[in-house]
Amino acid sequence: MSVFVAVEDKEGEPLIDVFEVERIYRKFPRDSGLCLRFVGEAEDASFNPTQASILQSELEALSGTDLDQRERKELERLLAVCKSHAGKRNEYLRFYGEARGE
């Protein structure tokens, strides 16, 4: 299973190419935090420009955890996307769970 990541405008039009994360989302906390606990393969999650700084902080906290090379690469990509779009009006970071609707 995977989670797909997109940055979209307020109408849902993509602003970047959608990409897939296959591993790092399994390291996201499930019982704490404000954003990452809602990201997973079974549901979709959307974060607005105000929430992006919180999301970025939670992702940065994962940097100090034990990650393999592929997880670290996915995390770095997520952080780069978050940093480049955080706080931009009418830009939303969206995570689409692969298992949704099943």
N, C-alpha and C. Protein backbone atom coordinates (compact mmCIF):
# COMPACT_ATOMS: atom_id res chain seq x y z
N MET A 1 0.83 -1.18 0.00
CA MET A 1 0.00 0.00 0.00
C MET A 1 0.88 1.25 0.00
N SER A 2 0.27 2.35 -0.39
CA SER A 2 1.00 3.61 -0.50
C SER A 2 0.10 4.77 -0.12
N VAL A 3 0.74 5.91 -0.03
CA VAL A 3 0.05 7.18 0.14
C VAL A 3 0.58 8.08 -0.97
N PHE A 4 -0.33 8.80 -1.61
CA PHE A 4 0.04 9.71 -2.67
C PHE A 4 -0.03 11.13 -2.15
N VAL A 5 0.93 11.96 -2.58
CA VAL A 5 1.07 13.32 -2.08
C VAL A 5 0.87 14.28 -3.24
N ALA A 6 0.08 15.32 -2.98
CA ALA A 6 -0.18 16.34 -3.99
C ALA A 6 -0.20 17.71 -3.33
N VAL A 7 0.10 18.71 -4.12
CA VAL A 7 -0.15 20.09 -3.73
C VAL A 7 -1.16 20.60 -4.75
N GLU A 8 -2.27 21.11 -4.23
CA GLU A 8 -3.37 21.53 -5.10
C GLU A 8 -3.82 22.94 -4.74
N ASP A 9 -4.46 23.58 -5.72
CA ASP A 9 -5.05 24.88 -5.44
C ASP A 9 -6.44 24.66 -4.81
N LYS A 10 -7.14 25.74 -4.54
CA LYS A 10 -8.42 25.60 -3.82
C LYS A 10 -9.49 24.87 -4.63
N GLU A 11 -9.31 24.78 -5.95
CA GLU A 11 -10.25 24.03 -6.79
C GLU A 11 -9.84 22.57 -6.95
N GLY A 12 -8.71 22.19 -6.36
CA GLY A 12 -8.23 20.81 -6.46
C GLY A 12 -7.35 20.55 -7.66
N GLU A 13 -6.94 21.61 -8.35
CA GLU A 13 -6.05 21.44 -9.50
C GLU A 13 -4.61 21.24 -9.00
N PRO A 14 -3.89 20.27 -9.55
CA PRO A 14 -2.53 20.00 -9.08
C PRO A 14 -1.57 21.14 -9.41
N LEU A 15 -0.69 21.43 -8.46
CA LEU A 15 0.35 22.44 -8.64
C LEU A 15 1.73 21.81 -8.80
N ILE A 16 1.83 20.53 -8.45
CA ILE A 16 3.05 19.74 -8.65
C ILE A 16 2.61 18.36 -9.14
N ASP A 17 3.56 17.61 -9.65
CA ASP A 17 3.26 16.22 -10.01
C ASP A 17 3.00 15.43 -8.73
N VAL A 18 1.94 14.66 -8.74
CA VAL A 18 1.62 13.80 -7.61
C VAL A 18 2.74 12.76 -7.49
N PHE A 19 3.13 12.48 -6.25
CA PHE A 19 4.13 11.44 -6.04
C PHE A 19 3.70 10.51 -4.92
N GLU A 20 4.34 9.36 -4.90
CA GLU A 20 3.96 8.28 -4.00
C GLU A 20 5.00 8.12 -2.89
N VAL A 21 4.52 7.89 -1.68
CA VAL A 21 5.40 7.48 -0.59
C VAL A 21 4.93 6.09 -0.15
N GLU A 22 5.88 5.20 -0.04
CA GLU A 22 5.54 3.81 0.26
C GLU A 22 5.94 3.38 1.66
N ARG A 23 6.83 4.13 2.30
CA ARG A 23 7.38 3.65 3.55
C ARG A 23 7.24 4.63 4.72
N ILE A 24 7.58 5.88 4.51
CA ILE A 24 7.70 6.82 5.63
C ILE A 24 6.38 7.02 6.37
N TYR A 25 5.26 6.94 5.68
CA TYR A 25 3.99 7.18 6.36
C TYR A 25 3.75 6.16 7.47
N ARG A 26 4.39 5.01 7.39
CA ARG A 26 4.25 4.01 8.46
C ARG A 26 4.91 4.45 9.76
N LYS A 27 5.79 5.44 9.67
CA LYS A 27 6.47 5.99 10.86
C LYS A 27 5.69 7.16 11.47
N PHE A 28 4.64 7.60 10.81
CA PHE A 28 3.87 8.73 11.34
C PHE A 28 3.17 8.31 12.63
N PRO A 29 3.16 9.19 13.63
CA PRO A 29 2.48 8.87 14.89
C PRO A 29 0.98 8.68 14.67
N ARG A 30 0.41 7.72 15.35
CA ARG A 30 -1.02 7.44 15.21
C ARG A 30 -1.84 7.96 16.38
N ASP A 31 -1.19 8.27 17.47
CA ASP A 31 -1.95 8.66 18.67
C ASP A 31 -1.53 10.02 19.22
N SER A 32 -0.72 10.76 18.50
CA SER A 32 -0.32 12.09 18.97
C SER A 32 -0.08 13.00 17.78
N GLY A 33 0.15 14.25 18.06
CA GLY A 33 0.39 15.22 17.00
C GLY A 33 -0.91 15.79 16.48
N LEU A 34 -0.76 16.79 15.64
CA LEU A 34 -1.93 17.47 15.11
C LEU A 34 -2.24 17.13 13.66
N CYS A 35 -1.24 16.72 12.90
CA CYS A 35 -1.45 16.49 11.46
C CYS A 35 -1.16 15.06 11.02
N LEU A 36 0.05 14.60 11.27
CA LEU A 36 0.48 13.31 10.70
C LEU A 36 -0.36 12.13 11.15
N ARG A 37 -1.00 12.22 12.30
CA ARG A 37 -1.82 11.09 12.75
C ARG A 37 -3.01 10.84 11.84
N PHE A 38 -3.35 11.80 11.00
CA PHE A 38 -4.47 11.65 10.08
C PHE A 38 -4.07 11.12 8.71
N VAL A 39 -2.77 10.94 8.48
CA VAL A 39 -2.28 10.49 7.18
C VAL A 39 -2.06 8.98 7.23
N GLY A 40 -2.65 8.29 6.26
CA GLY A 40 -2.47 6.84 6.18
C GLY A 40 -3.06 6.30 4.90
N GLU A 41 -2.93 5.01 4.71
CA GLU A 41 -3.37 4.40 3.47
C GLU A 41 -4.88 4.23 3.38
N ALA A 42 -5.59 4.37 4.49
CA ALA A 42 -7.03 4.13 4.47
C ALA A 42 -7.86 5.40 4.29
N GLU A 43 -7.28 6.56 4.51
CA GLU A 43 -8.04 7.81 4.45
C GLU A 43 -7.25 8.89 3.73
N ASP A 44 -7.94 9.92 3.30
CA ASP A 44 -7.31 11.09 2.72
C ASP A 44 -7.18 12.16 3.79
N ALA A 45 -6.20 13.03 3.63
CA ALA A 45 -6.01 14.14 4.56
C ALA A 45 -5.56 15.36 3.76
N SER A 46 -6.04 16.53 4.19
CA SER A 46 -5.71 17.77 3.52
C SER A 46 -5.29 18.80 4.56
N PHE A 47 -4.22 19.55 4.24
CA PHE A 47 -3.71 20.55 5.16
C PHE A 47 -3.64 21.90 4.46
N ASN A 48 -4.22 22.90 5.12
CA ASN A 48 -4.27 24.24 4.55
C ASN A 48 -2.97 24.99 4.83
N PRO A 49 -2.80 26.19 4.29
CA PRO A 49 -1.55 26.93 4.48
C PRO A 49 -1.20 27.19 5.95
N THR A 50 -2.18 27.39 6.79
CA THR A 50 -1.93 27.64 8.20
C THR A 50 -1.42 26.38 8.89
N GLN A 51 -1.94 25.23 8.52
CA GLN A 51 -1.55 23.96 9.12
C GLN A 51 -0.19 23.47 8.61
N ALA A 52 0.26 24.01 7.49
CA ALA A 52 1.50 23.52 6.87
C ALA A 52 2.71 23.66 7.79
N SER A 53 2.78 24.70 8.60
CA SER A 53 3.93 24.87 9.49
C SER A 53 3.91 23.80 10.59
N ILE A 54 2.73 23.42 11.05
CA ILE A 54 2.60 22.35 12.04
C ILE A 54 3.03 21.03 11.41
N LEU A 55 2.54 20.77 10.21
CA LEU A 55 2.91 19.57 9.47
C LEU A 55 4.42 19.50 9.28
N GLN A 56 5.02 20.60 8.89
CA GLN A 56 6.46 20.66 8.69
C GLN A 56 7.21 20.33 9.98
N SER A 57 6.77 20.87 11.10
CA SER A 57 7.41 20.58 12.40
C SER A 57 7.32 19.10 12.75
N GLU A 58 6.16 18.51 12.49
CA GLU A 58 6.00 17.08 12.78
C GLU A 58 6.89 16.23 11.88
N LEU A 59 7.03 16.62 10.62
CA LEU A 59 7.91 15.89 9.71
C LEU A 59 9.37 16.04 10.14
N GLU A 60 9.76 17.25 10.54
CA GLU A 60 11.13 17.48 11.00
C GLU A 60 11.46 16.65 12.23
N ALA A 61 10.48 16.44 13.10
CA ALA A 61 10.70 15.62 14.29
C ALA A 61 11.02 14.18 13.92
N LEU A 62 10.53 13.72 12.78
CA LEU A 62 10.83 12.35 12.33
C LEU A 62 12.28 12.20 11.89
N SER A 63 12.93 13.31 11.57
CA SER A 63 14.33 13.25 11.12
C SER A 63 15.24 12.63 12.15
N GLY A 64 14.90 12.79 13.43
CA GLY A 64 15.72 12.25 14.50
C GLY A 64 15.44 10.80 14.83
N THR A 65 14.50 10.19 14.14
CA THR A 65 14.16 8.80 14.42
C THR A 65 15.00 7.86 13.56
N ASP A 66 14.93 6.58 13.87
CA ASP A 66 15.67 5.56 13.14
C ASP A 66 14.96 5.29 11.81
N LEU A 67 15.56 5.77 10.73
CA LEU A 67 14.98 5.60 9.40
C LEU A 67 15.98 4.91 8.49
N ASP A 68 15.46 4.05 7.62
CA ASP A 68 16.36 3.47 6.63
C ASP A 68 16.53 4.48 5.49
N GLN A 69 17.36 4.14 4.54
CA GLN A 69 17.70 5.07 3.46
C GLN A 69 16.47 5.49 2.64
N ARG A 70 15.61 4.55 2.31
CA ARG A 70 14.42 4.86 1.51
C ARG A 70 13.45 5.74 2.30
N GLU A 71 13.27 5.46 3.59
CA GLU A 71 12.39 6.28 4.43
C GLU A 71 12.93 7.71 4.52
N ARG A 72 14.25 7.82 4.71
CA ARG A 72 14.87 9.14 4.82
C ARG A 72 14.69 9.93 3.53
N LYS A 73 14.85 9.26 2.39
CA LYS A 73 14.68 9.93 1.09
C LYS A 73 13.23 10.42 0.92
N GLU A 74 12.27 9.60 1.29
CA GLU A 74 10.86 10.02 1.21
C GLU A 74 10.59 11.19 2.15
N LEU A 75 11.15 11.13 3.35
CA LEU A 75 10.97 12.22 4.31
C LEU A 75 11.57 13.52 3.78
N GLU A 76 12.74 13.45 3.21
CA GLU A 76 13.39 14.64 2.65
C GLU A 76 12.54 15.25 1.54
N ARG A 77 11.96 14.42 0.72
CA ARG A 77 11.11 14.93 -0.36
C ARG A 77 9.85 15.59 0.20
N LEU A 78 9.23 14.95 1.18
CA LEU A 78 8.05 15.54 1.83
C LEU A 78 8.38 16.87 2.48
N LEU A 79 9.50 16.93 3.17
CA LEU A 79 9.90 18.19 3.81
C LEU A 79 10.15 19.29 2.78
N ALA A 80 10.79 18.95 1.69
CA ALA A 80 11.06 19.94 0.64
C ALA A 80 9.76 20.49 0.06
N VAL A 81 8.80 19.61 -0.19
CA VAL A 81 7.51 20.06 -0.72
C VAL A 81 6.79 20.92 0.30
N CYS A 82 6.79 20.48 1.53
CA CYS A 82 6.13 21.23 2.60
C CYS A 82 6.75 22.63 2.75
N LYS A 83 8.07 22.69 2.77
CA LYS A 83 8.76 23.97 2.92
C LYS A 83 8.48 24.92 1.76
N SER A 84 8.42 24.38 0.57
CA SER A 84 8.23 25.25 -0.60
C SER A 84 6.79 25.73 -0.76
N HIS A 85 5.84 25.07 -0.10
CA HIS A 85 4.44 25.46 -0.25
C HIS A 85 3.80 25.94 1.05
N ALA A 86 4.49 25.81 2.16
CA ALA A 86 3.94 26.21 3.45
C ALA A 86 3.58 27.70 3.46
N GLY A 87 2.39 27.99 3.92
CA GLY A 87 1.96 29.37 4.07
C GLY A 87 1.52 30.06 2.80
N LYS A 88 1.59 29.39 1.68
CA LYS A 88 1.17 30.02 0.43
C LYS A 88 -0.35 29.96 0.33
N ARG A 89 -0.93 31.10 0.16
CA ARG A 89 -2.38 31.21 0.10
C ARG A 89 -2.96 30.34 -1.01
N ASN A 90 -4.03 29.65 -0.66
CA ASN A 90 -4.77 28.80 -1.60
C ASN A 90 -3.98 27.62 -2.14
N GLU A 91 -2.98 27.16 -1.36
CA GLU A 91 -2.26 25.95 -1.72
C GLU A 91 -2.43 24.95 -0.59
N TYR A 92 -2.80 23.73 -0.94
CA TYR A 92 -3.14 22.70 0.04
C TYR A 92 -2.29 21.47 -0.20
N LEU A 93 -1.71 20.97 0.87
CA LEU A 93 -0.96 19.73 0.79
C LEU A 93 -1.92 18.60 1.09
N ARG A 94 -2.05 17.67 0.14
CA ARG A 94 -3.04 16.59 0.29
C ARG A 94 -2.36 15.24 0.20
N PHE A 95 -2.84 14.36 1.06
CA PHE A 95 -2.37 12.98 1.11
C PHE A 95 -3.56 12.10 0.76
N TYR A 96 -3.40 11.27 -0.25
CA TYR A 96 -4.46 10.37 -0.68
C TYR A 96 -4.07 8.94 -0.35
N GLY A 97 -4.90 8.29 0.45
CA GLY A 97 -4.65 6.90 0.81
C GLY A 97 -5.03 5.98 -0.32
N GLU A 98 -4.19 5.04 -0.61
CA GLU A 98 -4.41 4.11 -1.72
C GLU A 98 -5.60 3.18 -1.44
N ALA A 99 -5.84 2.86 -0.20
CA ALA A 99 -6.87 1.90 0.14
C ALA A 99 -8.25 2.54 0.29
N ARG A 100 -8.39 3.82 0.06
CA ARG A 100 -9.68 4.47 0.26
C ARG A 100 -10.72 3.89 -0.68
N GLY A 101 -11.90 3.79 -0.19
CA GLY A 101 -13.01 3.31 -0.99
C GLY A 101 -13.08 1.80 -1.14
N GLU A 102 -12.16 1.09 -0.55
CA GLU A 102 -12.18 -0.39 -0.70
C GLU A 102 -13.04 -1.01 0.37
